Amino acid sequence: MTFEPGARSAWHFHPLGQTLIVTQGCGWVQSEGQTRVEIRPGDVVWCPPNERHWHGATSTTGMSHIAIQEALDGKVVEWLEKVSDEQYEG
């Protein structure tokens, strides 16, 4: 998946967790209640099962990653509300 500068996912969670492998650019990932973390090529990020989080590019740099998740009863993700500009700019 590729995010242009300023693009990000909505808040979401995965019933069996998710692994992100950053392949290009610079981005951010944030789990609810935690500080936003910068991610770069070669970084591997584990998002535990049912942990609300979002990820995307920084405001000035695009970012690409590979996302790996498994399905539980046919479902891989639960999409929630959009990440506000205030949350994104953190």
N, C-alpha and C. Protein backbone atom coordinates (compact mmCIF):
# COMPACT_ATOMS: atom_id res chain seq x y z
N MET A 1 0.84 -1.16 0.00
CA MET A 1 0.00 0.00 0.00
C MET A 1 0.89 1.23 0.00
N THR A 2 0.49 2.24 -0.76
CA THR A 2 1.25 3.48 -0.83
C THR A 2 0.37 4.66 -0.41
N PHE A 3 0.93 5.50 0.45
CA PHE A 3 0.25 6.71 0.92
C PHE A 3 1.01 7.91 0.38
N GLU A 4 0.31 8.84 -0.22
CA GLU A 4 0.89 10.12 -0.63
C GLU A 4 1.10 10.99 0.62
N PRO A 5 1.95 12.02 0.55
CA PRO A 5 2.12 12.89 1.72
C PRO A 5 0.77 13.37 2.26
N GLY A 6 0.60 13.28 3.56
CA GLY A 6 -0.64 13.71 4.21
C GLY A 6 -1.73 12.66 4.26
N ALA A 7 -1.57 11.55 3.55
CA ALA A 7 -2.61 10.50 3.54
C ALA A 7 -2.43 9.55 4.71
N ARG A 8 -3.54 9.10 5.25
CA ARG A 8 -3.50 8.14 6.35
C ARG A 8 -4.76 7.30 6.34
N SER A 9 -4.67 6.16 7.02
CA SER A 9 -5.84 5.30 7.17
C SER A 9 -6.81 5.93 8.17
N ALA A 10 -7.96 5.35 8.29
CA ALA A 10 -8.87 5.67 9.40
C ALA A 10 -8.41 4.85 10.61
N TRP A 11 -8.92 5.17 11.79
CA TRP A 11 -8.72 4.31 12.95
C TRP A 11 -9.28 2.95 12.59
N HIS A 12 -8.63 1.89 13.02
CA HIS A 12 -9.11 0.54 12.75
C HIS A 12 -8.41 -0.45 13.67
N PHE A 13 -8.88 -1.69 13.63
CA PHE A 13 -8.19 -2.76 14.35
C PHE A 13 -8.36 -4.05 13.57
N HIS A 14 -7.51 -5.02 13.91
CA HIS A 14 -7.52 -6.32 13.24
C HIS A 14 -7.73 -7.39 14.30
N PRO A 15 -8.68 -8.31 14.09
CA PRO A 15 -8.97 -9.31 15.12
C PRO A 15 -7.79 -10.22 15.45
N LEU A 16 -6.88 -10.43 14.50
CA LEU A 16 -5.70 -11.27 14.77
C LEU A 16 -4.40 -10.48 14.66
N GLY A 17 -4.49 -9.16 14.69
CA GLY A 17 -3.30 -8.32 14.62
C GLY A 17 -2.86 -8.06 13.19
N GLN A 18 -1.83 -7.24 13.05
CA GLN A 18 -1.32 -6.86 11.74
C GLN A 18 0.18 -6.58 11.84
N THR A 19 0.91 -6.99 10.81
CA THR A 19 2.32 -6.66 10.68
C THR A 19 2.49 -5.72 9.50
N LEU A 20 3.20 -4.62 9.71
CA LEU A 20 3.53 -3.67 8.66
C LEU A 20 5.02 -3.75 8.40
N ILE A 21 5.40 -3.82 7.12
CA ILE A 21 6.80 -3.80 6.72
C ILE A 21 6.97 -2.57 5.83
N VAL A 22 7.69 -1.58 6.31
CA VAL A 22 7.85 -0.33 5.57
C VAL A 22 8.89 -0.55 4.46
N THR A 23 8.52 -0.20 3.23
CA THR A 23 9.39 -0.44 2.08
C THR A 23 9.95 0.84 1.47
N GLN A 24 9.30 1.98 1.71
CA GLN A 24 9.75 3.21 1.08
C GLN A 24 9.19 4.42 1.83
N GLY A 25 9.97 5.50 1.85
CA GLY A 25 9.49 6.77 2.38
C GLY A 25 9.55 6.86 3.89
N CYS A 26 8.66 7.68 4.42
CA CYS A 26 8.62 7.94 5.86
C CYS A 26 7.15 8.09 6.26
N GLY A 27 6.78 7.44 7.34
CA GLY A 27 5.39 7.51 7.78
C GLY A 27 5.26 7.56 9.28
N TRP A 28 4.02 7.48 9.72
CA TRP A 28 3.70 7.45 11.14
C TRP A 28 2.72 6.31 11.40
N VAL A 29 2.82 5.75 12.59
CA VAL A 29 1.84 4.79 13.09
C VAL A 29 1.54 5.19 14.53
N GLN A 30 0.28 5.05 14.92
CA GLN A 30 -0.10 5.40 16.28
C GLN A 30 -1.19 4.46 16.76
N SER A 31 -0.98 3.92 17.95
CA SER A 31 -2.01 3.14 18.63
C SER A 31 -2.72 4.05 19.61
N GLU A 32 -3.99 3.80 19.83
CA GLU A 32 -4.78 4.66 20.72
C GLU A 32 -4.12 4.76 22.09
N GLY A 33 -4.01 6.01 22.58
CA GLY A 33 -3.45 6.26 23.89
C GLY A 33 -1.93 6.28 23.93
N GLN A 34 -1.28 6.10 22.77
CA GLN A 34 0.17 6.10 22.72
C GLN A 34 0.67 7.23 21.82
N THR A 35 1.94 7.49 21.88
CA THR A 35 2.56 8.52 21.06
C THR A 35 2.72 8.04 19.62
N ARG A 36 2.53 8.94 18.69
CA ARG A 36 2.76 8.65 17.28
C ARG A 36 4.24 8.30 17.08
N VAL A 37 4.52 7.27 16.25
CA VAL A 37 5.88 6.80 16.02
C VAL A 37 6.23 6.94 14.55
N GLU A 38 7.42 7.46 14.27
CA GLU A 38 7.89 7.56 12.89
C GLU A 38 8.38 6.19 12.42
N ILE A 39 8.04 5.84 11.17
CA ILE A 39 8.47 4.58 10.60
C ILE A 39 9.16 4.84 9.26
N ARG A 40 10.21 4.02 8.99
CA ARG A 40 11.04 4.20 7.79
C ARG A 40 11.31 2.84 7.14
N PRO A 41 11.87 2.84 5.92
CA PRO A 41 12.15 1.58 5.23
C PRO A 41 12.94 0.60 6.11
N GLY A 42 12.50 -0.65 6.10
CA GLY A 42 13.11 -1.70 6.91
C GLY A 42 12.46 -1.89 8.25
N ASP A 43 11.67 -0.90 8.72
CA ASP A 43 10.97 -1.06 10.00
C ASP A 43 9.86 -2.09 9.86
N VAL A 44 9.72 -2.91 10.88
CA VAL A 44 8.63 -3.88 10.97
C VAL A 44 7.83 -3.52 12.21
N VAL A 45 6.54 -3.30 12.02
CA VAL A 45 5.66 -2.86 13.10
C VAL A 45 4.61 -3.93 13.35
N TRP A 46 4.43 -4.33 14.60
CA TRP A 46 3.39 -5.28 14.98
C TRP A 46 2.28 -4.53 15.70
N CYS A 47 1.06 -4.65 15.18
CA CYS A 47 -0.12 -4.08 15.82
C CYS A 47 -0.90 -5.26 16.41
N PRO A 48 -0.95 -5.38 17.73
CA PRO A 48 -1.60 -6.53 18.36
C PRO A 48 -3.09 -6.65 18.04
N PRO A 49 -3.65 -7.84 18.23
CA PRO A 49 -5.08 -8.04 17.98
C PRO A 49 -5.94 -7.03 18.72
N ASN A 50 -6.93 -6.50 18.01
CA ASN A 50 -7.94 -5.60 18.56
C ASN A 50 -7.40 -4.27 19.10
N GLU A 51 -6.17 -3.90 18.74
CA GLU A 51 -5.61 -2.62 19.16
C GLU A 51 -5.96 -1.55 18.12
N ARG A 52 -6.70 -0.53 18.57
CA ARG A 52 -7.06 0.59 17.67
C ARG A 52 -5.80 1.32 17.27
N HIS A 53 -5.65 1.53 15.96
CA HIS A 53 -4.47 2.22 15.47
C HIS A 53 -4.75 2.82 14.11
N TRP A 54 -3.82 3.65 13.64
CA TRP A 54 -3.84 4.17 12.28
C TRP A 54 -2.40 4.25 11.80
N HIS A 55 -2.22 4.34 10.49
CA HIS A 55 -0.89 4.50 9.91
C HIS A 55 -1.02 5.22 8.58
N GLY A 56 0.07 5.89 8.19
CA GLY A 56 0.07 6.60 6.93
C GLY A 56 1.36 7.36 6.73
N ALA A 57 1.38 8.20 5.71
CA ALA A 57 2.56 9.00 5.38
C ALA A 57 2.68 10.17 6.35
N THR A 58 3.87 10.76 6.39
CA THR A 58 4.00 12.03 7.11
C THR A 58 3.35 13.12 6.26
N SER A 59 3.30 14.31 6.79
CA SER A 59 2.66 15.40 6.06
C SER A 59 3.48 15.86 4.85
N THR A 60 4.75 15.50 4.80
CA THR A 60 5.62 15.96 3.72
C THR A 60 6.24 14.86 2.87
N THR A 61 6.13 13.60 3.30
CA THR A 61 6.78 12.49 2.62
C THR A 61 5.82 11.33 2.43
N GLY A 62 5.79 10.76 1.24
CA GLY A 62 4.99 9.57 1.00
C GLY A 62 5.59 8.36 1.72
N MET A 63 4.83 7.28 1.82
CA MET A 63 5.29 6.07 2.49
C MET A 63 4.58 4.87 1.88
N SER A 64 5.35 3.79 1.69
CA SER A 64 4.77 2.52 1.23
C SER A 64 5.07 1.44 2.25
N HIS A 65 4.13 0.52 2.41
CA HIS A 65 4.36 -0.62 3.30
C HIS A 65 3.62 -1.84 2.79
N ILE A 66 4.08 -2.97 3.24
CA ILE A 66 3.38 -4.24 3.04
C ILE A 66 2.61 -4.49 4.33
N ALA A 67 1.34 -4.85 4.22
CA ALA A 67 0.52 -5.13 5.40
C ALA A 67 0.13 -6.60 5.37
N ILE A 68 0.35 -7.29 6.49
CA ILE A 68 0.04 -8.71 6.60
C ILE A 68 -0.92 -8.91 7.76
N GLN A 69 -2.05 -9.53 7.50
CA GLN A 69 -3.01 -9.85 8.54
C GLN A 69 -3.78 -11.10 8.13
N GLU A 70 -4.32 -11.79 9.12
CA GLU A 70 -5.11 -12.99 8.87
C GLU A 70 -6.56 -12.72 9.20
N ALA A 71 -7.43 -13.52 8.62
CA ALA A 71 -8.87 -13.38 8.86
C ALA A 71 -9.32 -14.24 10.04
N LEU A 72 -10.25 -13.71 10.78
CA LEU A 72 -10.94 -14.46 11.83
C LEU A 72 -12.41 -14.48 11.46
N ASP A 73 -12.95 -15.64 11.20
CA ASP A 73 -14.34 -15.77 10.75
C ASP A 73 -14.60 -14.90 9.52
N GLY A 74 -13.62 -14.86 8.62
CA GLY A 74 -13.76 -14.13 7.37
C GLY A 74 -13.51 -12.64 7.45
N LYS A 75 -13.15 -12.13 8.62
CA LYS A 75 -12.94 -10.68 8.78
C LYS A 75 -11.49 -10.39 9.12
N VAL A 76 -10.89 -9.41 8.37
CA VAL A 76 -9.49 -9.05 8.63
C VAL A 76 -9.34 -7.68 9.28
N VAL A 77 -10.36 -6.82 9.15
CA VAL A 77 -10.23 -5.46 9.69
C VAL A 77 -11.61 -4.92 10.07
N GLU A 78 -11.61 -4.09 11.07
CA GLU A 78 -12.81 -3.34 11.47
C GLU A 78 -12.45 -1.86 11.33
N TRP A 79 -13.06 -1.20 10.34
CA TRP A 79 -12.80 0.22 10.10
C TRP A 79 -13.65 1.06 11.04
N LEU A 80 -13.04 2.12 11.57
CA LEU A 80 -13.69 3.01 12.52
C LEU A 80 -13.69 4.44 11.96
N GLU A 81 -13.73 5.44 12.81
CA GLU A 81 -13.83 6.83 12.37
C GLU A 81 -12.52 7.31 11.73
N LYS A 82 -12.64 8.40 10.96
CA LYS A 82 -11.47 9.00 10.34
C LYS A 82 -10.55 9.59 11.41
N VAL A 83 -9.26 9.61 11.13
CA VAL A 83 -8.28 10.26 11.99
C VAL A 83 -8.41 11.77 11.74
N SER A 84 -8.64 12.52 12.79
CA SER A 84 -8.79 13.97 12.64
C SER A 84 -7.44 14.60 12.32
N ASP A 85 -7.48 15.81 11.76
CA ASP A 85 -6.25 16.54 11.50
C ASP A 85 -5.47 16.77 12.79
N GLU A 86 -6.15 17.04 13.87
CA GLU A 86 -5.48 17.25 15.16
C GLU A 86 -4.77 15.98 15.63
N GLN A 87 -5.44 14.84 15.50
CA GLN A 87 -4.80 13.57 15.87
C GLN A 87 -3.62 13.28 14.96
N TYR A 88 -3.78 13.51 13.67
CA TYR A 88 -2.74 13.23 12.69
C TYR A 88 -1.50 14.10 12.94
N GLU A 89 -1.72 15.34 13.22
CA GLU A 89 -0.60 16.27 13.42
C GLU A 89 0.03 16.11 14.80
N GLY A 90 -0.65 15.34 15.68
CA GLY A 90 -0.22 14.92 16.98
C GLY A 90 0.70 15.76 17.73
